[in-house]
Amino acid sequence: MAMPRPTVAQFAYGSCTVVLSTLTLLLASRTSSAAGTAAVAVAALALGLLVAVKAPGIRRTRRLSVVRPAPARPEPAASAERVRATVPAPVRESVREPVREKAAS
């Protein structure tokens, strides 16, 4: 089974989480060592990955399509109960156009 690609929302949520959590952790810890900065970066990446995986987007469950039979048509009512509507035919009016003939000279 192929691994599904992340959606745009998952990518955006994960990226924003990495950037914001890195800044927050660096400011909160006030670390200046390389090991501390690396630990903050790894923690931020892990948190961003967690947010991206948990973000809504890809459904992991398969939906089974259920074929439902068409609803049964009701039986036609008795002829006394039927209602008939008559629609008049469209009326075509004759349009008179002026006759243009050359006048006798």
PDB file of N, CA and C in Angstrom:
ATOM      1  N   MET A   1       0.850  -1.178   0.000  1.00  0.00           N
ATOM      2  CA  MET A   1       0.000   0.000   0.000  1.00  0.00           C
ATOM      3  C   MET A   1       0.889   1.233   0.000  1.00  0.00           C
ATOM      4  N   ALA A   2       0.650   2.128  -0.930  1.00  0.00           N
ATOM      5  CA  ALA A   2       1.456   3.331  -1.056  1.00  0.00           C
ATOM      6  C   ALA A   2       1.125   4.304   0.067  1.00  0.00           C
ATOM      7  N   MET A   3       2.114   5.043   0.465  1.00  0.00           N
ATOM      8  CA  MET A   3       1.926   6.015   1.530  1.00  0.00           C
ATOM      9  C   MET A   3       1.247   7.261   0.961  1.00  0.00           C
ATOM     10  N   PRO A   4       0.186   7.755   1.598  1.00  0.00           N
ATOM     11  CA  PRO A   4      -0.515   8.921   1.048  1.00  0.00           C
ATOM     12  C   PRO A   4       0.311  10.189   1.215  1.00  0.00           C
ATOM     13  N   ARG A   5       0.130  11.101   0.269  1.00  0.00           N
ATOM     14  CA  ARG A   5       0.848  12.372   0.342  1.00  0.00           C
ATOM     15  C   ARG A   5       0.155  13.295   1.331  1.00  0.00           C
ATOM     16  N   PRO A   6       0.921  14.161   2.009  1.00  0.00           N
ATOM     17  CA  PRO A   6       0.281  15.098   2.940  1.00  0.00           C
ATOM     18  C   PRO A   6      -0.499  16.165   2.180  1.00  0.00           C
ATOM     19  N   THR A   7      -1.551  16.629   2.811  1.00  0.00           N
ATOM     20  CA  THR A   7      -2.347  17.688   2.204  1.00  0.00           C
ATOM     21  C   THR A   7      -1.678  19.027   2.456  1.00  0.00           C
ATOM     22  N   VAL A   8      -2.185  20.065   1.819  1.00  0.00           N
ATOM     23  CA  VAL A   8      -1.624  21.403   2.007  1.00  0.00           C
ATOM     24  C   VAL A   8      -1.804  21.851   3.453  1.00  0.00           C
ATOM     25  N   ALA A   9      -2.947  21.520   4.039  1.00  0.00           N
ATOM     26  CA  ALA A   9      -3.206  21.903   5.428  1.00  0.00           C
ATOM     27  C   ALA A   9      -2.226  21.222   6.374  1.00  0.00           C
ATOM     28  N   GLN A  10      -1.961  19.951   6.160  1.00  0.00           N
ATOM     29  CA  GLN A  10      -1.007  19.247   7.012  1.00  0.00           C
ATOM     30  C   GLN A  10       0.388  19.841   6.882  1.00  0.00           C
ATOM     31  N   PHE A  11       0.778  20.157   5.670  1.00  0.00           N
ATOM     32  CA  PHE A  11       2.096  20.756   5.450  1.00  0.00           C
ATOM     33  C   PHE A  11       2.198  22.118   6.133  1.00  0.00           C
ATOM     34  N   ALA A  12       1.160  22.924   6.009  1.00  0.00           N
ATOM     35  CA  ALA A  12       1.174  24.261   6.612  1.00  0.00           C
ATOM     36  C   ALA A  12       1.180  24.185   8.135  1.00  0.00           C
ATOM     37  N   TYR A  13       0.327  23.329   8.704  1.00  0.00           N
ATOM     38  CA  TYR A  13       0.280  23.193  10.166  1.00  0.00           C
ATOM     39  C   TYR A  13       1.619  22.709  10.712  1.00  0.00           C
ATOM     40  N   GLY A  14       2.199  21.714  10.061  1.00  0.00           N
ATOM     41  CA  GLY A  14       3.477  21.186  10.529  1.00  0.00           C
ATOM     42  C   GLY A  14       4.599  22.207  10.434  1.00  0.00           C
ATOM     43  N   SER A  15       4.658  22.937   9.321  1.00  0.00           N
ATOM     44  CA  SER A  15       5.718  23.938   9.139  1.00  0.00           C
ATOM     45  C   SER A  15       5.595  25.075  10.144  1.00  0.00           C
ATOM     46  N   CYS A  16       4.382  25.564  10.333  1.00  0.00           N
ATOM     47  CA  CYS A  16       4.173  26.649  11.298  1.00  0.00           C
ATOM     48  C   CYS A  16       4.495  26.192  12.710  1.00  0.00           C
ATOM     49  N   THR A  17       4.161  24.966  13.026  1.00  0.00           N
ATOM     50  CA  THR A  17       4.465  24.441  14.359  1.00  0.00           C
ATOM     51  C   THR A  17       5.965  24.352  14.578  1.00  0.00           C
ATOM     52  N   VAL A  18       6.703  23.904  13.573  1.00  0.00           N
ATOM     53  CA  VAL A  18       8.161  23.803  13.709  1.00  0.00           C
ATOM     54  C   VAL A  18       8.775  25.179  13.933  1.00  0.00           C
ATOM     55  N   VAL A  19       8.390  26.142  13.125  1.00  0.00           N
ATOM     56  CA  VAL A  19       8.988  27.476  13.229  1.00  0.00           C
ATOM     57  C   VAL A  19       8.633  28.128  14.564  1.00  0.00           C
ATOM     58  N   LEU A  20       7.357  28.126  14.910  1.00  0.00           N
ATOM     59  CA  LEU A  20       6.932  28.800  16.142  1.00  0.00           C
ATOM     60  C   LEU A  20       7.440  28.093  17.393  1.00  0.00           C
ATOM     61  N   SER A  21       7.438  26.776  17.391  1.00  0.00           N
ATOM     62  CA  SER A  21       7.939  26.074  18.576  1.00  0.00           C
ATOM     63  C   SER A  21       9.450  26.225  18.717  1.00  0.00           C
ATOM     64  N   THR A  22      10.182  26.302  17.610  1.00  0.00           N
ATOM     65  CA  THR A  22      11.627  26.544  17.687  1.00  0.00           C
ATOM     66  C   THR A  22      11.910  27.901  18.303  1.00  0.00           C
ATOM     67  N   LEU A  23      11.225  28.928  17.825  1.00  0.00           N
ATOM     68  CA  LEU A  23      11.429  30.262  18.391  1.00  0.00           C
ATOM     69  C   LEU A  23      11.048  30.306  19.866  1.00  0.00           C
ATOM     70  N   THR A  24       9.929  29.702  20.205  1.00  0.00           N
ATOM     71  CA  THR A  24       9.468  29.718  21.594  1.00  0.00           C
ATOM     72  C   THR A  24      10.435  28.972  22.512  1.00  0.00           C
ATOM     73  N   LEU A  25      10.868  27.795  22.091  1.00  0.00           N
ATOM     74  CA  LEU A  25      11.783  27.021  22.926  1.00  0.00           C
ATOM     75  C   LEU A  25      13.151  27.694  23.050  1.00  0.00           C
ATOM     76  N   LEU A  26      13.634  28.318  21.984  1.00  0.00           N
ATOM     77  CA  LEU A  26      14.925  29.012  22.075  1.00  0.00           C
ATOM     78  C   LEU A  26      14.837  30.229  22.997  1.00  0.00           C
ATOM     79  N   LEU A  27      13.727  30.957  22.927  1.00  0.00           N
ATOM     80  CA  LEU A  27      13.567  32.111  23.806  1.00  0.00           C
ATOM     81  C   LEU A  27      13.321  31.687  25.250  1.00  0.00           C
ATOM     82  N   ALA A  28      12.588  30.615  25.442  1.00  0.00           N
ATOM     83  CA  ALA A  28      12.270  30.173  26.805  1.00  0.00           C
ATOM     84  C   ALA A  28      13.473  29.532  27.487  1.00  0.00           C
ATOM     85  N   SER A  29      14.281  28.781  26.752  1.00  0.00           N
ATOM     86  CA  SER A  29      15.413  28.086  27.365  1.00  0.00           C
ATOM     87  C   SER A  29      16.657  28.952  27.454  1.00  0.00           C
ATOM     88  N   ARG A  30      16.731  29.992  26.649  1.00  0.00           N
ATOM     89  CA  ARG A  30      17.899  30.894  26.597  1.00  0.00           C
ATOM     90  C   ARG A  30      19.207  30.115  26.454  1.00  0.00           C
ATOM     91  N   THR A  31      19.165  29.110  25.623  1.00  0.00           N
ATOM     92  CA  THR A  31      20.360  28.298  25.402  1.00  0.00           C
ATOM     93  C   THR A  31      21.267  28.972  24.384  1.00  0.00           C
ATOM     94  N   SER A  32      22.558  28.775  24.578  1.00  0.00           N
ATOM     95  CA  SER A  32      23.520  29.320  23.623  1.00  0.00           C
ATOM     96  C   SER A  32      24.497  28.245  23.154  1.00  0.00           C
ATOM     97  N   SER A  33      24.373  27.041  23.691  1.00  0.00           N
ATOM     98  CA  SER A  33      25.277  25.971  23.284  1.00  0.00           C
ATOM     99  C   SER A  33      24.733  25.272  22.048  1.00  0.00           C
ATOM    100  N   ALA A  34      25.622  24.613  21.349  1.00  0.00           N
ATOM    101  CA  ALA A  34      25.229  23.887  20.135  1.00  0.00           C
ATOM    102  C   ALA A  34      24.354  22.687  20.477  1.00  0.00           C
ATOM    103  N   ALA A  35      24.664  22.031  21.588  1.00  0.00           N
ATOM    104  CA  ALA A  35      23.878  20.856  21.989  1.00  0.00           C
ATOM    105  C   ALA A  35      22.455  21.272  22.371  1.00  0.00           C
ATOM    106  N   GLY A  36      22.316  22.395  23.065  1.00  0.00           N
ATOM    107  CA  GLY A  36      20.991  22.880  23.446  1.00  0.00           C
ATOM    108  C   GLY A  36      20.169  23.293  22.237  1.00  0.00           C
ATOM    109  N   THR A  37      20.814  23.956  21.282  1.00  0.00           N
ATOM    110  CA  THR A  37      20.129  24.371  20.063  1.00  0.00           C
ATOM    111  C   THR A  37      19.706  23.148  19.240  1.00  0.00           C
ATOM    112  N   ALA A  38      20.569  22.135  19.189  1.00  0.00           N
ATOM    113  CA  ALA A  38      20.227  20.909  18.463  1.00  0.00           C
ATOM    114  C   ALA A  38      19.054  20.191  19.139  1.00  0.00           C
ATOM    115  N   ALA A  39      19.032  20.170  20.454  1.00  0.00           N
ATOM    116  CA  ALA A  39      17.936  19.528  21.177  1.00  0.00           C
ATOM    117  C   ALA A  39      16.619  20.260  20.926  1.00  0.00           C
ATOM    118  N   VAL A  40      16.675  21.594  20.899  1.00  0.00           N
ATOM    119  CA  VAL A  40      15.474  22.396  20.614  1.00  0.00           C
ATOM    120  C   VAL A  40      14.991  22.126  19.195  1.00  0.00           C
ATOM    121  N   ALA A  41      15.917  22.044  18.249  1.00  0.00           N
ATOM    122  CA  ALA A  41      15.544  21.799  16.857  1.00  0.00           C
ATOM    123  C   ALA A  41      14.902  20.422  16.691  1.00  0.00           C
ATOM    124  N   VAL A  42      15.460  19.401  17.337  1.00  0.00           N
ATOM    125  CA  VAL A  42      14.897  18.055  17.249  1.00  0.00           C
ATOM    126  C   VAL A  42      13.518  18.014  17.888  1.00  0.00           C
ATOM    127  N   ALA A  43      13.354  18.671  19.032  1.00  0.00           N
ATOM    128  CA  ALA A  43      12.051  18.695  19.702  1.00  0.00           C
ATOM    129  C   ALA A  43      11.009  19.417  18.841  1.00  0.00           C
ATOM    130  N   ALA A  44      11.411  20.518  18.211  1.00  0.00           N
ATOM    131  CA  ALA A  44      10.481  21.257  17.356  1.00  0.00           C
ATOM    132  C   ALA A  44      10.088  20.443  16.132  1.00  0.00           C
ATOM    133  N   LEU A  45      11.032  19.732  15.536  1.00  0.00           N
ATOM    134  CA  LEU A  45      10.720  18.882  14.384  1.00  0.00           C
ATOM    135  C   LEU A  45       9.773  17.745  14.775  1.00  0.00           C
ATOM    136  N   ALA A  46      10.004  17.158  15.936  1.00  0.00           N
ATOM    137  CA  ALA A  46       9.120  16.079  16.397  1.00  0.00           C
ATOM    138  C   ALA A  46       7.718  16.602  16.652  1.00  0.00           C
ATOM    139  N   LEU A  47       7.630  17.782  17.266  1.00  0.00           N
ATOM    140  CA  LEU A  47       6.320  18.374  17.519  1.00  0.00           C
ATOM    141  C   LEU A  47       5.624  18.734  16.207  1.00  0.00           C
ATOM    142  N   GLY A  48       6.346  19.264  15.235  1.00  0.00           N
ATOM    143  CA  GLY A  48       5.772  19.582  13.933  1.00  0.00           C
ATOM    144  C   GLY A  48       5.288  18.350  13.196  1.00  0.00           C
ATOM    145  N   LEU A  49       6.038  17.259  13.299  1.00  0.00           N
ATOM    146  CA  LEU A  49       5.624  16.005  12.671  1.00  0.00           C
ATOM    147  C   LEU A  49       4.352  15.468  13.323  1.00  0.00           C
ATOM    148  N   LEU A  50       4.282  15.566  14.649  1.00  0.00           N
ATOM    149  CA  LEU A  50       3.091  15.108  15.361  1.00  0.00           C
ATOM    150  C   LEU A  50       1.861  15.913  14.953  1.00  0.00           C
ATOM    151  N   VAL A  51       2.016  17.223  14.860  1.00  0.00           N
ATOM    152  CA  VAL A  51       0.890  18.077  14.461  1.00  0.00           C
ATOM    153  C   VAL A  51       0.469  17.783  13.031  1.00  0.00           C
ATOM    154  N   ALA A  52       1.421  17.584  12.141  1.00  0.00           N
ATOM    155  CA  ALA A  52       1.095  17.314  10.737  1.00  0.00           C
ATOM    156  C   ALA A  52       0.367  15.980  10.586  1.00  0.00           C
ATOM    157  N   VAL A  53       0.743  14.986  11.369  1.00  0.00           N
ATOM    158  CA  VAL A  53       0.091  13.678  11.271  1.00  0.00           C
ATOM    159  C   VAL A  53      -1.316  13.737  11.847  1.00  0.00           C
ATOM    160  N   LYS A  54      -1.493  14.486  12.920  1.00  0.00           N
ATOM    161  CA  LYS A  54      -2.801  14.560  13.568  1.00  0.00           C
ATOM    162  C   LYS A  54      -3.731  15.586  12.932  1.00  0.00           C
ATOM    163  N   ALA A  55      -3.228  16.409  12.036  1.00  0.00           N
ATOM    164  CA  ALA A  55      -4.063  17.432  11.390  1.00  0.00           C
ATOM    165  C   ALA A  55      -5.089  16.749  10.484  1.00  0.00           C
ATOM    166  N   PRO A  56      -6.285  17.341  10.365  1.00  0.00           N
ATOM    167  CA  PRO A  56      -7.283  16.729   9.487  1.00  0.00           C
ATOM    168  C   PRO A  56      -6.842  16.810   8.034  1.00  0.00           C
ATOM    169  N   GLY A  57      -7.195  15.841   7.286  1.00  0.00           N
ATOM    170  CA  GLY A  57      -6.815  15.870   5.875  1.00  0.00           C
ATOM    171  C   GLY A  57      -7.012  14.523   5.239  1.00  0.00           C
ATOM    172  N   ILE A  58      -6.136  13.593   5.514  1.00  0.00           N
ATOM    173  CA  ILE A  58      -6.202  12.290   4.881  1.00  0.00           C
ATOM    174  C   ILE A  58      -6.972  11.357   5.805  1.00  0.00           C
ATOM    175  N   ARG A  59      -7.990  10.738   5.271  1.00  0.00           N
ATOM    176  CA  ARG A  59      -8.741   9.760   6.050  1.00  0.00           C
ATOM    177  C   ARG A  59      -8.078   8.413   5.892  1.00  0.00           C
ATOM    178  N   ARG A  60      -7.818   7.801   6.974  1.00  0.00           N
ATOM    179  CA  ARG A  60      -7.106   6.531   6.942  1.00  0.00           C
ATOM    180  C   ARG A  60      -8.045   5.335   6.815  1.00  0.00           C
ATOM    181  N   THR A  61      -9.329   5.531   6.999  1.00  0.00           N
ATOM    182  CA  THR A  61     -10.267   4.423   6.884  1.00  0.00           C
ATOM    183  C   THR A  61     -10.883   4.420   5.496  1.00  0.00           C
ATOM    184  N   ARG A  62     -11.171   3.258   5.014  1.00  0.00           N
ATOM    185  CA  ARG A  62     -11.805   3.141   3.708  1.00  0.00           C
ATOM    186  C   ARG A  62     -13.304   3.204   3.893  1.00  0.00           C
ATOM    187  N   ARG A  63     -13.939   3.867   2.995  1.00  0.00           N
ATOM    188  CA  ARG A  63     -15.387   3.898   3.010  1.00  0.00           C
ATOM    189  C   ARG A  63     -15.901   2.841   2.051  1.00  0.00           C
ATOM    190  N   LEU A  64     -16.756   2.020   2.553  1.00  0.00           N
ATOM    191  CA  LEU A  64     -17.361   1.010   1.697  1.00  0.00           C
ATOM    192  C   LEU A  64     -18.614   1.593   1.094  1.00  0.00           C
ATOM    193  N   SER A  65     -18.736   1.446  -0.186  1.00  0.00           N
ATOM    194  CA  SER A  65     -19.930   1.966  -0.836  1.00  0.00           C
ATOM    195  C   SER A  65     -21.022   0.910  -0.747  1.00  0.00           C
ATOM    196  N   VAL A  66     -22.127   1.326  -0.239  1.00  0.00           N
ATOM    197  CA  VAL A  66     -23.256   0.425  -0.074  1.00  0.00           C
ATOM    198  C   VAL A  66     -24.243   0.711  -1.192  1.00  0.00           C
ATOM    199  N   VAL A  67     -24.603  -0.328  -1.910  1.00  0.00           N
ATOM    200  CA  VAL A  67     -25.574  -0.176  -2.983  1.00  0.00           C
ATOM    201  C   VAL A  67     -26.943  -0.401  -2.373  1.00  0.00           C
ATOM    202  N   ARG A  68     -27.731   0.640  -2.395  1.00  0.00           N
ATOM    203  CA  ARG A  68     -29.075   0.548  -1.847  1.00  0.00           C
ATOM    204  C   ARG A  68     -30.066   0.418  -2.984  1.00  0.00           C
ATOM    205  N   PRO A  69     -31.074  -0.421  -2.799  1.00  0.00           N
ATOM    206  CA  PRO A  69     -32.070  -0.544  -3.862  1.00  0.00           C
ATOM    207  C   PRO A  69     -32.872   0.739  -3.990  1.00  0.00           C
ATOM    208  N   ALA A  70     -33.335   0.995  -5.182  1.00  0.00           N
ATOM    209  CA  ALA A  70     -34.136   2.187  -5.433  1.00  0.00           C
ATOM    210  C   ALA A  70     -35.446   2.067  -4.655  1.00  0.00           C
ATOM    211  N   PRO A  71     -35.938   3.179  -4.131  1.00  0.00           N
ATOM    212  CA  PRO A  71     -37.188   3.098  -3.380  1.00  0.00           C
ATOM    213  C   PRO A  71     -38.330   2.659  -4.293  1.00  0.00           C
ATOM    214  N   ALA A  72     -39.220   1.882  -3.723  1.00  0.00           N
ATOM    215  CA  ALA A  72     -40.351   1.376  -4.502  1.00  0.00           C
ATOM    216  C   ALA A  72     -41.284   2.521  -4.845  1.00  0.00           C
ATOM    217  N   ARG A  73     -41.753   2.517  -6.076  1.00  0.00           N
ATOM    218  CA  ARG A  73     -42.696   3.566  -6.483  1.00  0.00           C
ATOM    219  C   ARG A  73     -44.073   3.245  -5.939  1.00  0.00           C
ATOM    220  N   PRO A  74     -44.763   4.260  -5.469  1.00  0.00           N
ATOM    221  CA  PRO A  74     -46.104   3.985  -4.949  1.00  0.00           C
ATOM    222  C   PRO A  74     -47.042   3.574  -6.084  1.00  0.00           C
ATOM    223  N   GLU A  75     -48.000   2.763  -5.737  1.00  0.00           N
ATOM    224  CA  GLU A  75     -48.976   2.311  -6.724  1.00  0.00           C
ATOM    225  C   GLU A  75     -49.809   3.500  -7.187  1.00  0.00           C
ATOM    226  N   PRO A  76     -50.160   3.556  -8.490  1.00  0.00           N
ATOM    227  CA  PRO A  76     -50.987   4.670  -8.942  1.00  0.00           C
ATOM    228  C   PRO A  76     -52.347   4.624  -8.256  1.00  0.00           C
ATOM    229  N   ALA A  77     -52.861   5.784  -7.950  1.00  0.00           N
ATOM    230  CA  ALA A  77     -54.144   5.876  -7.260  1.00  0.00           C
ATOM    231  C   ALA A  77     -55.275   5.455  -8.202  1.00  0.00           C
ATOM    232  N   ALA A  78     -56.418   5.202  -7.650  1.00  0.00           N
ATOM    233  CA  ALA A  78     -57.584   4.834  -8.456  1.00  0.00           C
ATOM    234  C   ALA A  78     -57.921   5.986  -9.384  1.00  0.00           C
ATOM    235  N   SER A  79     -58.567   5.670 -10.491  1.00  0.00           N
ATOM    236  CA  SER A  79     -58.839   6.692 -11.503  1.00  0.00           C
ATOM    237  C   SER A  79     -59.708   7.816 -10.954  1.00  0.00           C
ATOM    238  N   ALA A  80     -60.548   7.546  -9.968  1.00  0.00           N
ATOM    239  CA  ALA A  80     -61.394   8.600  -9.397  1.00  0.00           C
ATOM    240  C   ALA A  80     -60.560   9.575  -8.582  1.00  0.00           C
ATOM    241  N   GLU A  81     -59.442   9.109  -8.060  1.00  0.00           N
ATOM    242  CA  GLU A  81     -58.619   9.957  -7.207  1.00  0.00           C
ATOM    243  C   GLU A  81     -57.551  10.715  -7.988  1.00  0.00           C
ATOM    244  N   ARG A  82     -57.379  10.384  -9.238  1.00  0.00           N
ATOM    245  CA  ARG A  82     -56.345  11.048 -10.023  1.00  0.00           C
ATOM    246  C   ARG A  82     -56.729  12.476 -10.324  1.00  0.00           C
ATOM    247  N   VAL A  83     -55.751  13.311 -10.336  1.00  0.00           N
ATOM    248  CA  VAL A  83     -55.966  14.713 -10.680  1.00  0.00           C
ATOM    249  C   VAL A  83     -55.262  14.956 -11.998  1.00  0.00           C
ATOM    250  N   ARG A  84     -55.997  15.488 -12.936  1.00  0.00           N
ATOM    251  CA  ARG A  84     -55.397  15.781 -14.233  1.00  0.00           C
ATOM    252  C   ARG A  84     -55.382  17.277 -14.423  1.00  0.00           C
ATOM    253  N   ALA A  85     -54.302  17.738 -14.915  1.00  0.00           N
ATOM    254  CA  ALA A  85     -54.188  19.157 -15.210  1.00  0.00           C
ATOM    255  C   ALA A  85     -54.014  19.310 -16.710  1.00  0.00           C
ATOM    256  N   THR A  86     -54.717  20.243 -17.261  1.00  0.00           N
ATOM    257  CA  THR A  86     -54.564  20.506 -18.687  1.00  0.00           C
ATOM    258  C   THR A  86     -53.845  21.824 -18.847  1.00  0.00           C
ATOM    259  N   VAL A  87     -52.929  21.826 -19.749  1.00  0.00           N
ATOM    260  CA  VAL A  87     -52.149  23.029 -20.018  1.00  0.00           C
ATOM    261  C   VAL A  87     -52.513  23.484 -21.414  1.00  0.00           C
ATOM    262  N   PRO A  88     -52.944  24.734 -21.541  1.00  0.00           N
ATOM    263  CA  PRO A  88     -53.317  25.209 -22.873  1.00  0.00           C
ATOM    264  C   PRO A  88     -52.094  25.319 -23.776  1.00  0.00           C
ATOM    265  N   ALA A  89     -52.324  25.099 -25.052  1.00  0.00           N
ATOM    266  CA  ALA A  89     -51.243  25.209 -26.021  1.00  0.00           C
ATOM    267  C   ALA A  89     -50.883  26.680 -26.190  1.00  0.00           C
ATOM    268  N   PRO A  90     -49.636  26.977 -26.483  1.00  0.00           N
ATOM    269  CA  PRO A  90     -49.249  28.378 -26.660  1.00  0.00           C
ATOM    270  C   PRO A  90     -49.964  28.984 -27.870  1.00  0.00           C
ATOM    271  N   VAL A  91     -50.379  30.204 -27.705  1.00  0.00           N
ATOM    272  CA  VAL A  91     -51.107  30.902 -28.765  1.00  0.00           C
ATOM    273  C   VAL A  91     -50.097  31.638 -29.629  1.00  0.00           C
ATOM    274  N   ARG A  92     -50.213  31.408 -30.931  1.00  0.00           N
ATOM    275  CA  ARG A  92     -49.312  32.093 -31.847  1.00  0.00           C
ATOM    276  C   ARG A  92     -50.084  33.216 -32.522  1.00  0.00           C
ATOM    277  N   GLU A  93     -49.613  34.376 -32.297  1.00  0.00           N
ATOM    278  CA  GLU A  93     -50.266  35.522 -32.921  1.00  0.00           C
ATOM    279  C   GLU A  93     -49.572  35.819 -34.245  1.00  0.00           C
ATOM    280  N   SER A  94     -50.399  36.145 -35.223  1.00  0.00           N
ATOM    281  CA  SER A  94     -49.796  36.490 -36.503  1.00  0.00           C
ATOM    282  C   SER A  94     -49.303  37.933 -36.434  1.00  0.00           C
ATOM    283  N   VAL A  95     -48.119  38.120 -36.883  1.00  0.00           N
ATOM    284  CA  VAL A  95     -47.517  39.442 -36.850  1.00  0.00           C
ATOM    285  C   VAL A  95     -47.656  40.054 -38.230  1.00  0.00           C
ATOM    286  N   ARG A  96     -48.215  41.240 -38.277  1.00  0.00           N
ATOM    287  CA  ARG A  96     -48.367  41.920 -39.565  1.00  0.00           C
ATOM    288  C   ARG A  96     -47.133  42.760 -39.834  1.00  0.00           C
ATOM    289  N   GLU A  97     -46.594  42.524 -40.972  1.00  0.00           N
ATOM    290  CA  GLU A  97     -45.455  43.325 -41.386  1.00  0.00           C
ATOM    291  C   GLU A  97     -45.909  44.240 -42.514  1.00  0.00           C
ATOM    292  N   PRO A  98     -45.379  45.454 -42.543  1.00  0.00           N
ATOM    293  CA  PRO A  98     -45.778  46.363 -43.626  1.00  0.00           C
ATOM    294  C   PRO A  98     -45.285  45.859 -44.976  1.00  0.00           C
ATOM    295  N   VAL A  99     -46.117  46.050 -45.965  1.00  0.00           N
ATOM    296  CA  VAL A  99     -45.767  45.644 -47.320  1.00  0.00           C
ATOM    297  C   VAL A  99     -45.057  46.805 -47.983  1.00  0.00           C
ATOM    298  N   ARG A 100     -43.913  46.539 -48.484  1.00  0.00           N
ATOM    299  CA  ARG A 100     -43.149  47.609 -49.123  1.00  0.00           C
ATOM    300  C   ARG A 100     -43.064  47.312 -50.617  1.00  0.00           C
ATOM    301  N   GLU A 101     -43.814  48.072 -51.340  1.00  0.00           N
ATOM    302  CA  GLU A 101     -43.803  47.924 -52.793  1.00  0.00           C
ATOM    303  C   GLU A 101     -43.376  49.242 -53.419  1.00  0.00           C
ATOM    304  N   LYS A 102     -42.819  49.118 -54.581  1.00  0.00           N
ATOM    305  CA  LYS A 102     -42.440  50.335 -55.287  1.00  0.00           C
ATOM    306  C   LYS A 102     -43.698  51.010 -55.804  1.00  0.00           C
ATOM    307  N   ALA A 103     -43.730  52.279 -55.598  1.00  0.00           N
ATOM    308  CA  ALA A 103     -44.907  53.039 -56.074  1.00  0.00           C
ATOM    309  C   ALA A 103     -44.841  53.185 -57.595  1.00  0.00           C
ATOM    310  N   ALA A 104     -46.034  53.177 -58.214  1.00  0.00           N
ATOM    311  CA  ALA A 104     -46.088  53.330 -59.659  1.00  0.00           C
ATOM    312  C   ALA A 104     -45.815  54.797 -59.979  1.00  0.00           C
ATOM    313  N   SER A 105     -44.937  55.014 -60.894  1.00  0.00           N
ATOM    314  CA  SER A 105     -44.642  56.395 -61.222  1.00  0.00           C
ATOM    315  C   SER A 105     -45.332  56.864 -62.459  1.00  0.00           C
TER     316      SER A 105
END
